[in-house]
Amino acid sequence: MKTILRGVCAAAVLFAATAGAASAETVVLRALDKTYGIAKDIAIPVGKPMKFGSLTITPKACAKRAPEETPEVSAFLTIDDKPVTDANQPAAEQKTIFSGWMFASSPALNALEHPSYDVWVIDCRS
């Protein structure tokens, strides 16, 4: 009886450990240009950089929980900014302004802080 109980407990622990978030190949983000009031949904493959205004957004990972769990989508993003300068000014250097996890359920938890742009995670797709 103890052997059966141990087997059931081991199976439950193994199932709980592997039932986490599934990784995805594409991150869906909503980007807002505050200057012009334009919001745009953009799909970016993981590992591929994409430009939005002066920002370069590179998703490193995207995870989505299984449907039977509490819904959560999270993405690890690196966002670089290269401000546009006047023709008379020297070119600005690209600077990393965000690197970390963003969560769809709590966008303010770890948000991009930029005067002209906002970026939120919407979904992960395979």
C-alpha atoms as a PDB file:
ATOM      1  CA  MET A   1       0.000   0.000   0.000  1.00  0.00           C
ATOM      2  CA  LYS A   2       2.853   2.384   0.874  1.00  0.00           C
ATOM      3  CA  THR A   3       4.502   1.684  -2.496  1.00  0.00           C
ATOM      4  CA  ILE A   4       1.305   2.600  -4.355  1.00  0.00           C
ATOM      5  CA  LEU A   5       0.879   5.758  -2.280  1.00  0.00           C
ATOM      6  CA  ARG A   6       4.498   6.780  -2.953  1.00  0.00           C
ATOM      7  CA  GLY A   7       4.003   6.173  -6.669  1.00  0.00           C
ATOM      8  CA  VAL A   8       0.852   8.325  -6.739  1.00  0.00           C
ATOM      9  CA  CYS A   9       2.598  11.115  -4.804  1.00  0.00           C
ATOM     10  CA  ALA A  10       5.634  10.990  -7.101  1.00  0.00           C
ATOM     11  CA  ALA A  11       3.375  11.164 -10.166  1.00  0.00           C
ATOM     12  CA  ALA A  12       1.504  14.146  -8.705  1.00  0.00           C
ATOM     13  CA  VAL A  13       4.756  16.008  -7.984  1.00  0.00           C
ATOM     14  CA  LEU A  14       6.090  15.254 -11.468  1.00  0.00           C
ATOM     15  CA  PHE A  15       2.836  16.423 -13.077  1.00  0.00           C
ATOM     16  CA  ALA A  16       2.839  19.665 -11.069  1.00  0.00           C
ATOM     17  CA  ALA A  17       6.436  20.399 -12.068  1.00  0.00           C
ATOM     18  CA  THR A  18       5.810  19.863 -15.793  1.00  0.00           C
ATOM     19  CA  ALA A  19       2.390  21.527 -15.975  1.00  0.00           C
ATOM     20  CA  GLY A  20       3.885  25.038 -15.941  1.00  0.00           C
ATOM     21  CA  ALA A  21       3.943  27.539 -18.750  1.00  0.00           C
ATOM     22  CA  ALA A  22       4.466  26.483 -22.334  1.00  0.00           C
ATOM     23  CA  SER A  23       6.978  28.428 -24.393  1.00  0.00           C
ATOM     24  CA  ALA A  24       5.912  30.042 -27.649  1.00  0.00           C
ATOM     25  CA  GLU A  25       7.548  31.165 -30.887  1.00  0.00           C
ATOM     26  CA  THR A  26       5.869  34.567 -31.304  1.00  0.00           C
ATOM     27  CA  VAL A  27       5.123  37.391 -28.866  1.00  0.00           C
ATOM     28  CA  VAL A  28       2.123  39.650 -29.481  1.00  0.00           C
ATOM     29  CA  LEU A  29       2.606  43.129 -28.045  1.00  0.00           C
ATOM     30  CA  ARG A  30       0.521  46.295 -28.041  1.00  0.00           C
ATOM     31  CA  ALA A  31       2.640  49.357 -28.640  1.00  0.00           C
ATOM     32  CA  LEU A  32       1.369  52.899 -28.117  1.00  0.00           C
ATOM     33  CA  ASP A  33       2.902  56.009 -29.651  1.00  0.00           C
ATOM     34  CA  LYS A  34       1.837  58.635 -27.094  1.00  0.00           C
ATOM     35  CA  THR A  35       2.784  61.537 -29.359  1.00  0.00           C
ATOM     36  CA  TYR A  36       0.358  60.618 -32.147  1.00  0.00           C
ATOM     37  CA  GLY A  37      -2.077  58.498 -30.135  1.00  0.00           C
ATOM     38  CA  ILE A  38      -1.541  55.436 -32.316  1.00  0.00           C
ATOM     39  CA  ALA A  39      -1.823  51.955 -30.794  1.00  0.00           C
ATOM     40  CA  LYS A  40      -0.653  48.984 -32.826  1.00  0.00           C
ATOM     41  CA  ASP A  41      -0.605  45.239 -32.158  1.00  0.00           C
ATOM     42  CA  ILE A  42       2.656  43.731 -33.346  1.00  0.00           C
ATOM     43  CA  ALA A  43       3.697  40.081 -33.541  1.00  0.00           C
ATOM     44  CA  ILE A  44       7.424  39.505 -33.124  1.00  0.00           C
ATOM     45  CA  PRO A  45       9.169  36.122 -33.437  1.00  0.00           C
ATOM     46  CA  VAL A  46      11.233  35.245 -30.354  1.00  0.00           C
ATOM     47  CA  GLY A  47      14.858  36.234 -30.917  1.00  0.00           C
ATOM     48  CA  LYS A  48      14.145  38.653 -33.790  1.00  0.00           C
ATOM     49  CA  PRO A  49      14.390  42.424 -33.223  1.00  0.00           C
ATOM     50  CA  MET A  50      11.640  44.715 -34.539  1.00  0.00           C
ATOM     51  CA  LYS A  51      11.505  48.507 -34.763  1.00  0.00           C
ATOM     52  CA  PHE A  52       8.647  50.619 -33.408  1.00  0.00           C
ATOM     53  CA  GLY A  53       9.413  54.307 -33.736  1.00  0.00           C
ATOM     54  CA  SER A  54      12.801  54.873 -32.112  1.00  0.00           C
ATOM     55  CA  LEU A  55      12.495  51.601 -30.130  1.00  0.00           C
ATOM     56  CA  THR A  56      14.011  48.247 -31.058  1.00  0.00           C
ATOM     57  CA  ILE A  57      12.095  45.456 -29.304  1.00  0.00           C
ATOM     58  CA  THR A  58      13.696  42.004 -29.015  1.00  0.00           C
ATOM     59  CA  PRO A  59      11.710  39.223 -27.313  1.00  0.00           C
ATOM     60  CA  LYS A  60      13.961  36.627 -25.685  1.00  0.00           C
ATOM     61  CA  ALA A  61      11.237  34.294 -24.375  1.00  0.00           C
ATOM     62  CA  CYS A  62       7.462  34.008 -24.202  1.00  0.00           C
ATOM     63  CA  ALA A  63       5.443  31.755 -21.918  1.00  0.00           C
ATOM     64  CA  LYS A  64       1.732  31.069 -21.617  1.00  0.00           C
ATOM     65  CA  ARG A  65       0.136  28.989 -18.874  1.00  0.00           C
ATOM     66  CA  ALA A  66      -1.979  25.970 -19.649  1.00  0.00           C
ATOM     67  CA  PRO A  67      -5.740  26.658 -20.081  1.00  0.00           C
ATOM     68  CA  GLU A  68      -6.676  24.803 -16.888  1.00  0.00           C
ATOM     69  CA  GLU A  69      -4.457  27.097 -14.764  1.00  0.00           C
ATOM     70  CA  THR A  70      -4.900  30.745 -13.831  1.00  0.00           C
ATOM     71  CA  PRO A  71      -4.409  32.658 -17.108  1.00  0.00           C
ATOM     72  CA  GLU A  72      -1.013  34.332 -17.458  1.00  0.00           C
ATOM     73  CA  VAL A  73       1.128  35.371 -20.383  1.00  0.00           C
ATOM     74  CA  SER A  74       4.650  36.617 -19.783  1.00  0.00           C
ATOM     75  CA  ALA A  75       7.502  37.643 -22.050  1.00  0.00           C
ATOM     76  CA  PHE A  76      11.147  38.483 -21.480  1.00  0.00           C
ATOM     77  CA  LEU A  77      11.889  41.585 -23.554  1.00  0.00           C
ATOM     78  CA  THR A  78      14.889  43.743 -24.270  1.00  0.00           C
ATOM     79  CA  ILE A  79      13.951  47.214 -25.506  1.00  0.00           C
ATOM     80  CA  ASP A  80      16.552  49.607 -26.873  1.00  0.00           C
ATOM     81  CA  ASP A  81      16.008  53.269 -27.736  1.00  0.00           C
ATOM     82  CA  LYS A  82      17.897  55.290 -30.313  1.00  0.00           C
ATOM     83  CA  PRO A  83      16.437  58.791 -30.164  1.00  0.00           C
ATOM     84  CA  VAL A  84      16.018  60.656 -33.422  1.00  0.00           C
ATOM     85  CA  THR A  85      18.246  63.726 -33.619  1.00  0.00           C
ATOM     86  CA  ASP A  86      18.267  66.823 -35.798  1.00  0.00           C
ATOM     87  CA  ALA A  87      20.456  66.877 -38.894  1.00  0.00           C
ATOM     88  CA  ASN A  88      22.828  69.303 -37.136  1.00  0.00           C
ATOM     89  CA  GLN A  89      23.203  67.057 -34.071  1.00  0.00           C
ATOM     90  CA  PRO A  90      25.528  64.051 -33.790  1.00  0.00           C
ATOM     91  CA  ALA A  91      23.766  60.678 -33.937  1.00  0.00           C
ATOM     92  CA  ALA A  92      22.554  59.426 -30.568  1.00  0.00           C
ATOM     93  CA  GLU A  93      23.750  56.080 -29.268  1.00  0.00           C
ATOM     94  CA  GLN A  94      21.352  53.189 -28.873  1.00  0.00           C
ATOM     95  CA  LYS A  95      20.658  52.564 -25.192  1.00  0.00           C
ATOM     96  CA  THR A  96      18.896  49.653 -23.459  1.00  0.00           C
ATOM     97  CA  ILE A  97      15.950  51.145 -21.569  1.00  0.00           C
ATOM     98  CA  PHE A  98      14.200  47.915 -20.532  1.00  0.00           C
ATOM     99  CA  SER A  99      15.299  44.342 -19.999  1.00  0.00           C
ATOM    100  CA  GLY A 100      13.079  41.976 -18.054  1.00  0.00           C
ATOM    101  CA  TRP A 101       9.817  40.076 -17.809  1.00  0.00           C
ATOM    102  CA  MET A 102       6.486  41.734 -18.645  1.00  0.00           C
ATOM    103  CA  PHE A 103       3.222  40.151 -17.545  1.00  0.00           C
ATOM    104  CA  ALA A 104      -0.067  40.517 -19.433  1.00  0.00           C
ATOM    105  CA  SER A 105      -2.174  40.340 -16.256  1.00  0.00           C
ATOM    106  CA  SER A 106      -0.156  43.073 -14.479  1.00  0.00           C
ATOM    107  CA  PRO A 107       1.343  45.472 -17.028  1.00  0.00           C
ATOM    108  CA  ALA A 108       2.296  48.020 -14.349  1.00  0.00           C
ATOM    109  CA  LEU A 109       4.276  45.438 -12.342  1.00  0.00           C
ATOM    110  CA  ASN A 110       7.335  45.770 -14.584  1.00  0.00           C
ATOM    111  CA  ALA A 111       6.548  48.448 -17.164  1.00  0.00           C
ATOM    112  CA  LEU A 112       8.512  50.266 -19.808  1.00  0.00           C
ATOM    113  CA  GLU A 113       9.083  53.845 -18.676  1.00  0.00           C
ATOM    114  CA  HIS A 114       9.400  56.045 -21.764  1.00  0.00           C
ATOM    115  CA  PRO A 115       8.033  59.541 -22.444  1.00  0.00           C
ATOM    116  CA  SER A 116       6.830  58.704 -25.979  1.00  0.00           C
ATOM    117  CA  TYR A 117       5.997  54.975 -26.013  1.00  0.00           C
ATOM    118  CA  ASP A 118       4.184  52.310 -23.995  1.00  0.00           C
ATOM    119  CA  VAL A 119       4.494  48.562 -24.638  1.00  0.00           C
ATOM    120  CA  TRP A 120       2.324  45.748 -23.189  1.00  0.00           C
ATOM    121  CA  VAL A 121       2.350  41.984 -23.602  1.00  0.00           C
ATOM    122  CA  ILE A 122      -0.893  40.644 -25.088  1.00  0.00           C
ATOM    123  CA  ASP A 123      -0.312  37.001 -26.057  1.00  0.00           C
ATOM    124  CA  CYS A 124       2.119  34.250 -27.005  1.00  0.00           C
ATOM    125  CA  ARG A 125       1.559  32.198 -30.143  1.00  0.00           C
ATOM    126  CA  SER A 126       3.164  29.021 -31.411  1.00  0.00           C
END
